[in-house]
Amino acid sequence: MLGSVGIMYINLDPDVGDSESLTRPFVNLEFTGEGGTTLGLEYRWKDDDMDCKAVFSAVLRHPLSEETTVEVGTTNASPTGLGLDDQDWFVRIGMDLPMQ
């Protein structure tokens, strides 16, 4: 099991509105099982009125081969990193392409 605790810092652009800096603590845990399957969990506390909710994300990764990994997960983080009301589900297939 791997774990990390830290603080995420965001400095919002003053051209968009009021300049405001956000500092939010987070905790991450990653569990590794047989065959390289991992379960990653992240929780980041709501620190500001801009967040609808605290951020929670989870992802299950399973390697299909050395080059290909499939992921299934959920998150309520927006692209800007703020917590949204609803959880969104995602499925991804990752491939490593050799650069030679």
N, C-alpha and C. Protein backbone atom coordinates (compact mmCIF):
# COMPACT_ATOMS: atom_id res chain seq x y z
N MET A 1 0.85 -1.18 0.00
CA MET A 1 0.00 0.00 0.00
C MET A 1 0.89 1.23 0.00
N LEU A 2 0.59 2.18 -0.85
CA LEU A 2 1.26 3.47 -0.88
C LEU A 2 0.29 4.52 -0.41
N GLY A 3 0.77 5.50 0.31
CA GLY A 3 -0.10 6.58 0.77
C GLY A 3 0.62 7.90 0.72
N SER A 4 -0.13 8.96 0.56
CA SER A 4 0.44 10.30 0.62
C SER A 4 -0.57 11.26 1.21
N VAL A 5 -0.05 12.25 1.88
CA VAL A 5 -0.85 13.32 2.47
C VAL A 5 -0.18 14.62 2.07
N GLY A 6 -0.95 15.61 1.70
CA GLY A 6 -0.34 16.86 1.29
C GLY A 6 -1.34 17.99 1.21
N ILE A 7 -0.89 19.06 0.59
CA ILE A 7 -1.72 20.26 0.40
C ILE A 7 -1.64 20.64 -1.07
N MET A 8 -2.80 20.89 -1.68
CA MET A 8 -2.84 21.37 -3.05
C MET A 8 -3.08 22.86 -3.02
N TYR A 9 -2.29 23.60 -3.80
CA TYR A 9 -2.39 25.06 -3.83
C TYR A 9 -2.85 25.48 -5.22
N ILE A 10 -3.87 26.31 -5.28
CA ILE A 10 -4.37 26.86 -6.54
C ILE A 10 -4.37 28.38 -6.42
N ASN A 11 -3.77 29.05 -7.39
CA ASN A 11 -3.81 30.50 -7.46
C ASN A 11 -4.69 30.86 -8.64
N LEU A 12 -5.90 31.33 -8.38
CA LEU A 12 -6.85 31.64 -9.44
C LEU A 12 -6.44 32.90 -10.19
N ASP A 13 -6.76 32.95 -11.46
CA ASP A 13 -6.39 34.05 -12.34
C ASP A 13 -7.19 35.30 -11.97
N PRO A 14 -6.51 36.42 -11.65
CA PRO A 14 -7.25 37.64 -11.28
C PRO A 14 -8.05 38.22 -12.45
N ASP A 15 -7.73 37.85 -13.72
CA ASP A 15 -8.47 38.37 -14.87
C ASP A 15 -9.86 37.77 -14.96
N VAL A 16 -10.06 36.61 -14.33
CA VAL A 16 -11.36 35.95 -14.37
C VAL A 16 -12.32 36.56 -13.34
N GLY A 17 -11.80 37.05 -12.28
CA GLY A 17 -12.63 37.62 -11.21
C GLY A 17 -11.73 38.00 -10.06
N ASP A 18 -12.22 37.85 -8.86
CA ASP A 18 -11.41 38.15 -7.69
C ASP A 18 -10.24 37.19 -7.61
N SER A 19 -9.06 37.73 -7.32
CA SER A 19 -7.88 36.89 -7.15
C SER A 19 -7.98 36.20 -5.80
N GLU A 20 -7.88 34.88 -5.82
CA GLU A 20 -8.04 34.13 -4.59
C GLU A 20 -7.15 32.90 -4.66
N SER A 21 -6.50 32.60 -3.57
CA SER A 21 -5.67 31.41 -3.50
C SER A 21 -6.35 30.39 -2.62
N LEU A 22 -6.33 29.14 -3.06
CA LEU A 22 -6.96 28.06 -2.32
C LEU A 22 -5.89 27.08 -1.87
N THR A 23 -5.97 26.66 -0.65
CA THR A 23 -5.08 25.62 -0.14
C THR A 23 -5.95 24.53 0.46
N ARG A 24 -5.85 23.32 -0.10
CA ARG A 24 -6.71 22.24 0.36
C ARG A 24 -5.89 21.01 0.69
N PRO A 25 -6.04 20.46 1.89
CA PRO A 25 -5.34 19.21 2.22
C PRO A 25 -5.97 18.03 1.49
N PHE A 26 -5.16 17.02 1.20
CA PHE A 26 -5.67 15.82 0.55
C PHE A 26 -4.98 14.59 1.11
N VAL A 27 -5.61 13.45 0.90
CA VAL A 27 -5.03 12.17 1.27
C VAL A 27 -5.24 11.21 0.10
N ASN A 28 -4.19 10.45 -0.26
CA ASN A 28 -4.24 9.46 -1.34
C ASN A 28 -3.82 8.11 -0.79
N LEU A 29 -4.48 7.06 -1.21
CA LEU A 29 -4.08 5.69 -0.89
C LEU A 29 -4.10 4.88 -2.17
N GLU A 30 -3.12 4.01 -2.34
CA GLU A 30 -3.09 3.12 -3.49
C GLU A 30 -2.77 1.71 -3.01
N PHE A 31 -3.66 0.79 -3.34
CA PHE A 31 -3.50 -0.61 -2.96
C PHE A 31 -3.12 -1.39 -4.21
N THR A 32 -2.10 -2.26 -4.10
CA THR A 32 -1.66 -3.07 -5.22
C THR A 32 -1.95 -4.52 -4.94
N GLY A 33 -2.61 -5.18 -5.87
CA GLY A 33 -2.94 -6.59 -5.71
C GLY A 33 -2.12 -7.46 -6.63
N GLU A 34 -2.52 -8.70 -6.73
CA GLU A 34 -1.82 -9.65 -7.59
C GLU A 34 -1.98 -9.26 -9.06
N GLY A 35 -0.95 -9.54 -9.81
CA GLY A 35 -1.01 -9.25 -11.24
C GLY A 35 -0.89 -7.79 -11.57
N GLY A 36 -0.54 -6.94 -10.61
CA GLY A 36 -0.37 -5.52 -10.87
C GLY A 36 -1.64 -4.69 -10.85
N THR A 37 -2.76 -5.26 -10.47
CA THR A 37 -4.01 -4.50 -10.36
C THR A 37 -3.90 -3.55 -9.17
N THR A 38 -4.30 -2.29 -9.37
CA THR A 38 -4.23 -1.30 -8.30
C THR A 38 -5.58 -0.63 -8.12
N LEU A 39 -5.83 -0.20 -6.89
CA LEU A 39 -6.99 0.60 -6.53
C LEU A 39 -6.47 1.87 -5.90
N GLY A 40 -6.76 3.02 -6.52
CA GLY A 40 -6.33 4.31 -6.00
C GLY A 40 -7.52 5.11 -5.49
N LEU A 41 -7.37 5.71 -4.32
CA LEU A 41 -8.41 6.53 -3.71
C LEU A 41 -7.84 7.91 -3.36
N GLU A 42 -8.60 8.96 -3.60
CA GLU A 42 -8.17 10.32 -3.25
C GLU A 42 -9.34 11.06 -2.61
N TYR A 43 -9.05 11.79 -1.55
CA TYR A 43 -10.05 12.65 -0.92
C TYR A 43 -9.39 14.00 -0.66
N ARG A 44 -10.04 15.07 -1.11
CA ARG A 44 -9.52 16.43 -0.88
C ARG A 44 -10.63 17.24 -0.22
N TRP A 45 -10.32 17.81 0.92
CA TRP A 45 -11.32 18.54 1.70
C TRP A 45 -11.81 19.78 0.97
N LYS A 46 -13.09 20.08 1.16
CA LYS A 46 -13.67 21.33 0.66
C LYS A 46 -13.11 22.46 1.50
N ASP A 47 -12.57 23.46 0.83
CA ASP A 47 -11.90 24.53 1.56
C ASP A 47 -12.48 25.90 1.24
N ASP A 48 -13.39 25.96 0.30
CA ASP A 48 -13.83 27.26 -0.16
C ASP A 48 -15.27 27.18 -0.63
N ASP A 49 -15.94 28.29 -0.66
CA ASP A 49 -17.32 28.33 -1.14
C ASP A 49 -17.43 28.01 -2.64
N MET A 50 -16.31 28.06 -3.37
CA MET A 50 -16.33 27.76 -4.79
C MET A 50 -16.62 26.28 -5.04
N ASP A 51 -16.21 25.42 -4.12
CA ASP A 51 -16.48 23.99 -4.25
C ASP A 51 -17.91 23.69 -3.86
N CYS A 52 -18.60 22.90 -4.68
CA CYS A 52 -19.92 22.41 -4.28
C CYS A 52 -19.76 21.32 -3.23
N LYS A 53 -18.75 20.46 -3.42
CA LYS A 53 -18.47 19.35 -2.51
C LYS A 53 -16.97 19.13 -2.43
N ALA A 54 -16.55 18.38 -1.43
CA ALA A 54 -15.16 17.94 -1.36
C ALA A 54 -14.91 16.99 -2.53
N VAL A 55 -13.67 16.94 -3.00
CA VAL A 55 -13.33 16.07 -4.13
C VAL A 55 -13.08 14.65 -3.65
N PHE A 56 -13.74 13.69 -4.30
CA PHE A 56 -13.47 12.27 -4.05
C PHE A 56 -13.28 11.59 -5.40
N SER A 57 -12.18 10.85 -5.54
CA SER A 57 -11.91 10.11 -6.76
C SER A 57 -11.45 8.71 -6.41
N ALA A 58 -11.79 7.76 -7.27
CA ALA A 58 -11.35 6.37 -7.12
C ALA A 58 -11.09 5.81 -8.51
N VAL A 59 -10.02 5.01 -8.65
CA VAL A 59 -9.73 4.39 -9.93
C VAL A 59 -9.19 2.99 -9.71
N LEU A 60 -9.68 2.05 -10.52
CA LEU A 60 -9.21 0.68 -10.51
C LEU A 60 -8.46 0.46 -11.82
N ARG A 61 -7.17 0.11 -11.74
CA ARG A 61 -6.33 -0.10 -12.92
C ARG A 61 -5.93 -1.57 -13.01
N HIS A 62 -6.00 -2.10 -14.23
CA HIS A 62 -5.57 -3.49 -14.43
C HIS A 62 -4.76 -3.56 -15.72
N PRO A 63 -3.52 -4.08 -15.63
CA PRO A 63 -2.72 -4.22 -16.85
C PRO A 63 -3.19 -5.42 -17.67
N LEU A 64 -3.44 -5.19 -18.95
CA LEU A 64 -3.80 -6.27 -19.85
C LEU A 64 -2.54 -6.90 -20.46
N SER A 65 -1.51 -6.06 -20.61
CA SER A 65 -0.20 -6.50 -21.09
C SER A 65 0.82 -5.47 -20.61
N GLU A 66 2.06 -5.61 -21.02
CA GLU A 66 3.07 -4.62 -20.62
C GLU A 66 2.79 -3.25 -21.23
N GLU A 67 2.09 -3.23 -22.36
CA GLU A 67 1.84 -1.97 -23.06
C GLU A 67 0.44 -1.39 -22.83
N THR A 68 -0.50 -2.19 -22.33
CA THR A 68 -1.89 -1.76 -22.28
C THR A 68 -2.46 -1.89 -20.87
N THR A 69 -3.13 -0.85 -20.43
CA THR A 69 -3.78 -0.81 -19.12
C THR A 69 -5.21 -0.33 -19.30
N VAL A 70 -6.14 -0.93 -18.56
CA VAL A 70 -7.52 -0.47 -18.57
C VAL A 70 -7.83 0.11 -17.19
N GLU A 71 -8.61 1.21 -17.18
CA GLU A 71 -8.98 1.89 -15.93
C GLU A 71 -10.49 2.10 -15.89
N VAL A 72 -11.06 1.95 -14.72
CA VAL A 72 -12.46 2.29 -14.46
C VAL A 72 -12.45 3.11 -13.18
N GLY A 73 -13.16 4.25 -13.19
CA GLY A 73 -13.13 5.08 -11.99
C GLY A 73 -14.27 6.05 -11.92
N THR A 74 -14.23 6.84 -10.86
CA THR A 74 -15.23 7.87 -10.62
C THR A 74 -14.55 9.08 -9.99
N THR A 75 -15.06 10.26 -10.31
CA THR A 75 -14.55 11.49 -9.71
C THR A 75 -15.63 12.57 -9.77
N ASN A 76 -15.56 13.50 -8.85
CA ASN A 76 -16.43 14.68 -8.93
C ASN A 76 -15.58 15.94 -9.11
N ALA A 77 -14.32 15.77 -9.53
CA ALA A 77 -13.45 16.92 -9.77
C ALA A 77 -13.68 17.46 -11.17
N SER A 78 -13.79 18.76 -11.28
CA SER A 78 -13.89 19.40 -12.58
C SER A 78 -12.49 19.55 -13.17
N PRO A 79 -12.36 19.93 -14.44
CA PRO A 79 -11.02 20.14 -15.01
C PRO A 79 -10.21 21.20 -14.27
N THR A 80 -10.87 22.12 -13.57
CA THR A 80 -10.15 23.14 -12.79
C THR A 80 -9.77 22.64 -11.41
N GLY A 81 -10.18 21.42 -11.07
CA GLY A 81 -9.82 20.85 -9.77
C GLY A 81 -10.82 21.10 -8.67
N LEU A 82 -11.91 21.78 -8.97
CA LEU A 82 -12.91 22.08 -7.96
C LEU A 82 -13.90 20.92 -7.84
N GLY A 83 -14.46 20.74 -6.65
CA GLY A 83 -15.42 19.66 -6.43
C GLY A 83 -16.79 20.01 -6.95
N LEU A 84 -17.40 19.09 -7.68
CA LEU A 84 -18.74 19.28 -8.23
C LEU A 84 -19.75 18.47 -7.44
N ASP A 85 -21.03 18.70 -7.69
CA ASP A 85 -22.09 17.99 -6.98
C ASP A 85 -22.12 16.50 -7.30
N ASP A 86 -22.00 16.15 -8.58
CA ASP A 86 -22.21 14.77 -9.00
C ASP A 86 -20.91 14.04 -9.28
N GLN A 87 -20.92 12.74 -9.05
CA GLN A 87 -19.81 11.87 -9.42
C GLN A 87 -19.94 11.50 -10.90
N ASP A 88 -18.85 11.53 -11.63
CA ASP A 88 -18.81 11.10 -13.03
C ASP A 88 -17.99 9.82 -13.12
N TRP A 89 -18.46 8.87 -13.92
CA TRP A 89 -17.75 7.61 -14.14
C TRP A 89 -16.93 7.73 -15.41
N PHE A 90 -15.79 7.05 -15.44
CA PHE A 90 -14.97 7.05 -16.65
C PHE A 90 -14.35 5.68 -16.86
N VAL A 91 -14.06 5.39 -18.12
CA VAL A 91 -13.35 4.18 -18.53
C VAL A 91 -12.26 4.63 -19.49
N ARG A 92 -11.04 4.16 -19.27
CA ARG A 92 -9.92 4.54 -20.13
C ARG A 92 -9.11 3.30 -20.49
N ILE A 93 -8.54 3.32 -21.66
CA ILE A 93 -7.56 2.31 -22.06
C ILE A 93 -6.29 3.07 -22.37
N GLY A 94 -5.21 2.73 -21.66
CA GLY A 94 -3.93 3.39 -21.86
C GLY A 94 -2.97 2.45 -22.58
N MET A 95 -2.23 3.02 -23.55
CA MET A 95 -1.26 2.24 -24.28
C MET A 95 0.09 2.94 -24.27
N ASP A 96 1.14 2.18 -24.02
CA ASP A 96 2.50 2.70 -24.10
C ASP A 96 3.00 2.50 -25.52
N LEU A 97 3.42 3.59 -26.15
CA LEU A 97 3.96 3.52 -27.50
C LEU A 97 5.45 3.78 -27.45
N PRO A 98 6.28 2.84 -27.90
CA PRO A 98 7.73 3.05 -27.87
C PRO A 98 8.14 4.16 -28.83
N MET A 99 9.03 5.01 -28.38
CA MET A 99 9.54 6.13 -29.20
C MET A 99 11.00 5.82 -29.55
N GLN A 100 11.23 5.33 -30.77
CA GLN A 100 12.59 5.01 -31.18
C GLN A 100 12.92 5.62 -32.50
